[in-house]
Amino acid sequence: MFKKLFKQKKEENIVAPVNGKIVPLEEVPDPVFSEKMMGEGIAIIPEDGKIYSPVDGKVIQVAETKHAIGLVTEGGVEILIHIGLETVGLKGEGFTAKINVDDEVKAGQLLMEADLEYIGEHASNTITPIVITNSAEGKKNYHFTSEKTAKAGETVIITAEDK
């Protein structure tokens, strides 16, 4: 009983994976994200196509079409970085993966290069949702930044805290 009472709550910071303008997930023009069907999160309208790891962790998914990357932290936070909207239809065109499934990554490590010009011309939007896919488990509290501008690898966009 006392262990639980005096246990220190662990916090994990999730930094911006891309430079750009931060917007609430509710503003993403796709109900899968805006209605949080995949989980809680935040989105960034990218300024450039370099996508970096927002955490120290492990790559658990690289979509065959390279438009999405799944990561898990040591603390069990599962993160999906979804580059653009309706980008699955690009079949990998415009994306260059720099990592593979099961790779250990460090915050700030380059994960993917995305051709934003190509994506902007061939998909519906370049906005990039960053979603905590296991947020519905209720094991952690998530706090989202009020910052408006993201600097990749520096701006803390989400803090995950043990309940």
C-alpha atoms as a PDB file:
ATOM      1  CA  MET A   1       0.000   0.000   0.000  1.00  0.00           C
ATOM      2  CA  PHE A   2       2.729   2.499   0.953  1.00  0.00           C
ATOM      3  CA  LYS A   3       4.686   1.689  -2.197  1.00  0.00           C
ATOM      4  CA  LYS A   4       1.799   2.927  -4.310  1.00  0.00           C
ATOM      5  CA  LEU A   5       1.309   5.969  -2.090  1.00  0.00           C
ATOM      6  CA  PHE A   6       4.912   7.113  -2.373  1.00  0.00           C
ATOM      7  CA  LYS A   7       5.646   5.864  -5.873  1.00  0.00           C
ATOM      8  CA  GLN A   8       7.053   8.575  -8.090  1.00  0.00           C
ATOM      9  CA  LYS A   9       4.969   9.226 -11.162  1.00  0.00           C
ATOM     10  CA  LYS A  10       6.968   8.700 -14.317  1.00  0.00           C
ATOM     11  CA  GLU A  11       6.758  11.291 -17.051  1.00  0.00           C
ATOM     12  CA  GLU A  12       7.717  10.899 -20.688  1.00  0.00           C
ATOM     13  CA  ASN A  13       8.074  13.845 -23.018  1.00  0.00           C
ATOM     14  CA  ILE A  14       7.177  13.490 -26.667  1.00  0.00           C
ATOM     15  CA  VAL A  15       8.880  16.107 -28.824  1.00  0.00           C
ATOM     16  CA  ALA A  16       7.812  17.387 -32.216  1.00  0.00           C
ATOM     17  CA  PRO A  17       8.782  14.987 -35.015  1.00  0.00           C
ATOM     18  CA  VAL A  18       8.677  17.744 -37.644  1.00  0.00           C
ATOM     19  CA  ASN A  19       9.049  21.524 -37.913  1.00  0.00           C
ATOM     20  CA  GLY A  20       5.817  23.406 -38.450  1.00  0.00           C
ATOM     21  CA  LYS A  21       2.589  24.838 -37.082  1.00  0.00           C
ATOM     22  CA  ILE A  22       0.975  22.957 -34.178  1.00  0.00           C
ATOM     23  CA  VAL A  23      -2.794  22.463 -34.364  1.00  0.00           C
ATOM     24  CA  PRO A  24      -5.239  20.560 -32.140  1.00  0.00           C
ATOM     25  CA  LEU A  25      -6.117  17.075 -33.375  1.00  0.00           C
ATOM     26  CA  GLU A  26      -9.756  18.216 -33.568  1.00  0.00           C
ATOM     27  CA  GLU A  27      -8.778  20.517 -36.470  1.00  0.00           C
ATOM     28  CA  VAL A  28      -7.467  17.692 -38.683  1.00  0.00           C
ATOM     29  CA  PRO A  29      -9.843  17.494 -41.688  1.00  0.00           C
ATOM     30  CA  ASP A  30     -10.374  13.741 -41.296  1.00  0.00           C
ATOM     31  CA  PRO A  31     -12.825  12.338 -38.722  1.00  0.00           C
ATOM     32  CA  VAL A  32     -10.603   9.326 -37.986  1.00  0.00           C
ATOM     33  CA  PHE A  33      -8.201  11.779 -36.358  1.00  0.00           C
ATOM     34  CA  SER A  34     -10.407  14.740 -35.384  1.00  0.00           C
ATOM     35  CA  GLU A  35     -12.882  12.480 -33.571  1.00  0.00           C
ATOM     36  CA  LYS A  36      -9.945  10.684 -31.909  1.00  0.00           C
ATOM     37  CA  MET A  37     -10.941   7.250 -33.208  1.00  0.00           C
ATOM     38  CA  MET A  38      -7.275   6.227 -33.156  1.00  0.00           C
ATOM     39  CA  GLY A  39      -6.478   7.965 -29.871  1.00  0.00           C
ATOM     40  CA  GLU A  40      -5.529  11.281 -28.313  1.00  0.00           C
ATOM     41  CA  GLY A  41      -2.933  13.435 -30.015  1.00  0.00           C
ATOM     42  CA  ILE A  42      -1.929  16.614 -31.731  1.00  0.00           C
ATOM     43  CA  ALA A  43      -1.095  17.555 -35.323  1.00  0.00           C
ATOM     44  CA  ILE A  44       1.553  19.573 -37.106  1.00  0.00           C
ATOM     45  CA  ILE A  45       1.338  21.280 -40.486  1.00  0.00           C
ATOM     46  CA  PRO A  46       4.904  20.554 -41.644  1.00  0.00           C
ATOM     47  CA  GLU A  47       7.307  23.165 -43.004  1.00  0.00           C
ATOM     48  CA  ASP A  48       9.676  20.557 -44.386  1.00  0.00           C
ATOM     49  CA  GLY A  49       9.683  16.834 -45.084  1.00  0.00           C
ATOM     50  CA  LYS A  50      12.149  15.578 -42.511  1.00  0.00           C
ATOM     51  CA  ILE A  51      10.404  13.389 -39.911  1.00  0.00           C
ATOM     52  CA  TYR A  52      12.361  12.697 -36.719  1.00  0.00           C
ATOM     53  CA  SER A  53      11.725  10.379 -33.810  1.00  0.00           C
ATOM     54  CA  PRO A  54       9.784  12.189 -31.079  1.00  0.00           C
ATOM     55  CA  VAL A  55      11.055   9.766 -28.397  1.00  0.00           C
ATOM     56  CA  ASP A  56      13.672   7.220 -27.454  1.00  0.00           C
ATOM     57  CA  GLY A  57      12.027   3.933 -28.311  1.00  0.00           C
ATOM     58  CA  LYS A  58      11.502   1.130 -30.770  1.00  0.00           C
ATOM     59  CA  VAL A  59       9.995   1.149 -34.257  1.00  0.00           C
ATOM     60  CA  ILE A  60       6.976  -1.171 -34.183  1.00  0.00           C
ATOM     61  CA  GLN A  61       5.525  -0.296 -37.580  1.00  0.00           C
ATOM     62  CA  VAL A  62       6.521   1.217 -40.890  1.00  0.00           C
ATOM     63  CA  ALA A  63       3.530   1.150 -43.212  1.00  0.00           C
ATOM     64  CA  GLU A  64       4.212  -0.684 -46.460  1.00  0.00           C
ATOM     65  CA  THR A  65       3.239   2.567 -48.165  1.00  0.00           C
ATOM     66  CA  LYS A  66       5.662   4.452 -45.858  1.00  0.00           C
ATOM     67  CA  HIS A  67       3.069   7.107 -44.926  1.00  0.00           C
ATOM     68  CA  ALA A  68       2.926   6.088 -41.250  1.00  0.00           C
ATOM     69  CA  ILE A  69       5.383   5.093 -38.531  1.00  0.00           C
ATOM     70  CA  GLY A  70       4.574   3.406 -35.231  1.00  0.00           C
ATOM     71  CA  LEU A  71       6.849   3.721 -32.196  1.00  0.00           C
ATOM     72  CA  VAL A  72       6.719   2.518 -28.600  1.00  0.00           C
ATOM     73  CA  THR A  73       8.576   4.077 -25.671  1.00  0.00           C
ATOM     74  CA  GLU A  74      10.189   2.193 -22.804  1.00  0.00           C
ATOM     75  CA  GLY A  75       7.247   3.364 -20.676  1.00  0.00           C
ATOM     76  CA  GLY A  76       4.765   1.755 -23.072  1.00  0.00           C
ATOM     77  CA  VAL A  77       3.434   4.824 -24.882  1.00  0.00           C
ATOM     78  CA  GLU A  78       2.499   3.840 -28.453  1.00  0.00           C
ATOM     79  CA  ILE A  79       2.839   6.664 -30.965  1.00  0.00           C
ATOM     80  CA  LEU A  80       1.646   6.846 -34.560  1.00  0.00           C
ATOM     81  CA  ILE A  81       3.091   9.496 -36.867  1.00  0.00           C
ATOM     82  CA  HIS A  82       0.763   9.704 -39.882  1.00  0.00           C
ATOM     83  CA  ILE A  83       2.361  11.808 -42.625  1.00  0.00           C
ATOM     84  CA  GLY A  84      -0.371  13.621 -44.534  1.00  0.00           C
ATOM     85  CA  LEU A  85      -3.961  12.625 -45.204  1.00  0.00           C
ATOM     86  CA  GLU A  86      -5.035  10.070 -47.821  1.00  0.00           C
ATOM     87  CA  THR A  87      -1.347   9.343 -48.377  1.00  0.00           C
ATOM     88  CA  VAL A  88      -1.830   5.564 -48.324  1.00  0.00           C
ATOM     89  CA  GLY A  89      -2.946   5.942 -51.965  1.00  0.00           C
ATOM     90  CA  LEU A  90       0.503   7.227 -52.936  1.00  0.00           C
ATOM     91  CA  LYS A  91       1.808   3.657 -52.534  1.00  0.00           C
ATOM     92  CA  GLY A  92       5.089   4.859 -51.044  1.00  0.00           C
ATOM     93  CA  GLU A  93       5.828   7.501 -53.690  1.00  0.00           C
ATOM     94  CA  GLY A  94       7.246  10.628 -52.088  1.00  0.00           C
ATOM     95  CA  PHE A  95       8.512   8.817 -48.974  1.00  0.00           C
ATOM     96  CA  THR A  96      12.004   7.549 -48.118  1.00  0.00           C
ATOM     97  CA  ALA A  97      12.223   5.496 -44.920  1.00  0.00           C
ATOM     98  CA  LYS A  98      15.462   5.759 -42.943  1.00  0.00           C
ATOM     99  CA  ILE A  99      14.508   3.073 -40.395  1.00  0.00           C
ATOM    100  CA  ASN A 100      13.010  -0.422 -40.223  1.00  0.00           C
ATOM    101  CA  VAL A 101      10.671  -2.285 -37.879  1.00  0.00           C
ATOM    102  CA  ASP A 102      12.443  -3.352 -34.649  1.00  0.00           C
ATOM    103  CA  ASP A 103      15.065  -0.587 -34.909  1.00  0.00           C
ATOM    104  CA  GLU A 104      15.877   1.157 -31.625  1.00  0.00           C
ATOM    105  CA  VAL A 105      15.700   4.923 -32.133  1.00  0.00           C
ATOM    106  CA  LYS A 106      16.652   8.030 -30.194  1.00  0.00           C
ATOM    107  CA  ALA A 107      14.664  11.251 -29.990  1.00  0.00           C
ATOM    108  CA  GLY A 108      15.776  13.479 -32.856  1.00  0.00           C
ATOM    109  CA  GLN A 109      16.875  10.588 -35.098  1.00  0.00           C
ATOM    110  CA  LEU A 110      15.771  10.916 -38.743  1.00  0.00           C
ATOM    111  CA  LEU A 111      12.987   8.403 -39.474  1.00  0.00           C
ATOM    112  CA  MET A 112      11.644   9.446 -42.855  1.00  0.00           C
ATOM    113  CA  GLU A 113      12.022  11.971 -45.625  1.00  0.00           C
ATOM    114  CA  ALA A 114       8.783  13.043 -47.263  1.00  0.00           C
ATOM    115  CA  ASP A 115       8.472  15.078 -50.462  1.00  0.00           C
ATOM    116  CA  LEU A 116       5.881  17.598 -49.281  1.00  0.00           C
ATOM    117  CA  GLU A 117       5.478  19.118 -52.733  1.00  0.00           C
ATOM    118  CA  TYR A 118       4.619  15.715 -54.225  1.00  0.00           C
ATOM    119  CA  ILE A 119       2.343  14.838 -51.296  1.00  0.00           C
ATOM    120  CA  GLY A 120       0.593  18.214 -51.538  1.00  0.00           C
ATOM    121  CA  GLU A 121      -0.117  17.625 -55.235  1.00  0.00           C
ATOM    122  CA  HIS A 122      -1.214  13.970 -54.974  1.00  0.00           C
ATOM    123  CA  ALA A 123      -2.855  13.618 -51.537  1.00  0.00           C
ATOM    124  CA  SER A 124      -5.509  15.688 -49.774  1.00  0.00           C
ATOM    125  CA  ASN A 125      -3.272  17.358 -47.164  1.00  0.00           C
ATOM    126  CA  THR A 126       0.249  17.356 -45.686  1.00  0.00           C
ATOM    127  CA  ILE A 127      -0.953  17.790 -42.079  1.00  0.00           C
ATOM    128  CA  THR A 128       0.745  15.222 -39.845  1.00  0.00           C
ATOM    129  CA  PRO A 129      -1.210  13.801 -36.893  1.00  0.00           C
ATOM    130  CA  ILE A 130       0.822  12.441 -33.962  1.00  0.00           C
ATOM    131  CA  VAL A 131      -1.475  10.045 -32.111  1.00  0.00           C
ATOM    132  CA  ILE A 132      -1.130   8.052 -28.872  1.00  0.00           C
ATOM    133  CA  THR A 133      -2.772   4.866 -30.133  1.00  0.00           C
ATOM    134  CA  ASN A 134      -3.048   3.279 -26.684  1.00  0.00           C
ATOM    135  CA  SER A 135      -4.369   6.388 -24.890  1.00  0.00           C
ATOM    136  CA  ALA A 136      -7.788   4.758 -24.373  1.00  0.00           C
ATOM    137  CA  GLU A 137      -6.189   2.214 -22.007  1.00  0.00           C
ATOM    138  CA  GLY A 138      -6.359   4.926 -19.348  1.00  0.00           C
ATOM    139  CA  LYS A 139      -2.993   4.107 -17.734  1.00  0.00           C
ATOM    140  CA  LYS A 140      -1.559   7.575 -18.282  1.00  0.00           C
ATOM    141  CA  ASN A 141      -2.606  11.198 -18.322  1.00  0.00           C
ATOM    142  CA  TYR A 142      -1.633  13.131 -21.443  1.00  0.00           C
ATOM    143  CA  HIS A 143      -0.903  16.847 -21.482  1.00  0.00           C
ATOM    144  CA  PHE A 144      -0.720  18.690 -24.800  1.00  0.00           C
ATOM    145  CA  THR A 145       1.302  21.801 -25.539  1.00  0.00           C
ATOM    146  CA  SER A 146      -0.225  25.225 -26.030  1.00  0.00           C
ATOM    147  CA  GLU A 147       2.752  26.208 -28.209  1.00  0.00           C
ATOM    148  CA  LYS A 148       1.854  27.186 -31.782  1.00  0.00           C
ATOM    149  CA  THR A 149       5.174  26.442 -33.478  1.00  0.00           C
ATOM    150  CA  ALA A 150       7.055  23.149 -33.455  1.00  0.00           C
ATOM    151  CA  LYS A 151      10.799  22.747 -33.727  1.00  0.00           C
ATOM    152  CA  ALA A 152      11.606  19.119 -34.472  1.00  0.00           C
ATOM    153  CA  GLY A 153      13.446  17.383 -31.658  1.00  0.00           C
ATOM    154  CA  GLU A 154      12.999  20.308 -29.259  1.00  0.00           C
ATOM    155  CA  THR A 155       9.391  21.392 -28.713  1.00  0.00           C
ATOM    156  CA  VAL A 156       7.652  19.123 -26.195  1.00  0.00           C
ATOM    157  CA  ILE A 157       4.217  18.535 -27.736  1.00  0.00           C
ATOM    158  CA  ILE A 158       2.859  15.828 -25.401  1.00  0.00           C
ATOM    159  CA  THR A 159       3.733  14.785 -21.866  1.00  0.00           C
ATOM    160  CA  ALA A 160       2.635  11.306 -20.765  1.00  0.00           C
ATOM    161  CA  GLU A 161       2.352  10.853 -17.010  1.00  0.00           C
ATOM    162  CA  ASP A 162       1.577   7.676 -15.075  1.00  0.00           C
ATOM    163  CA  LYS A 163      -1.771   7.841 -13.280  1.00  0.00           C
END
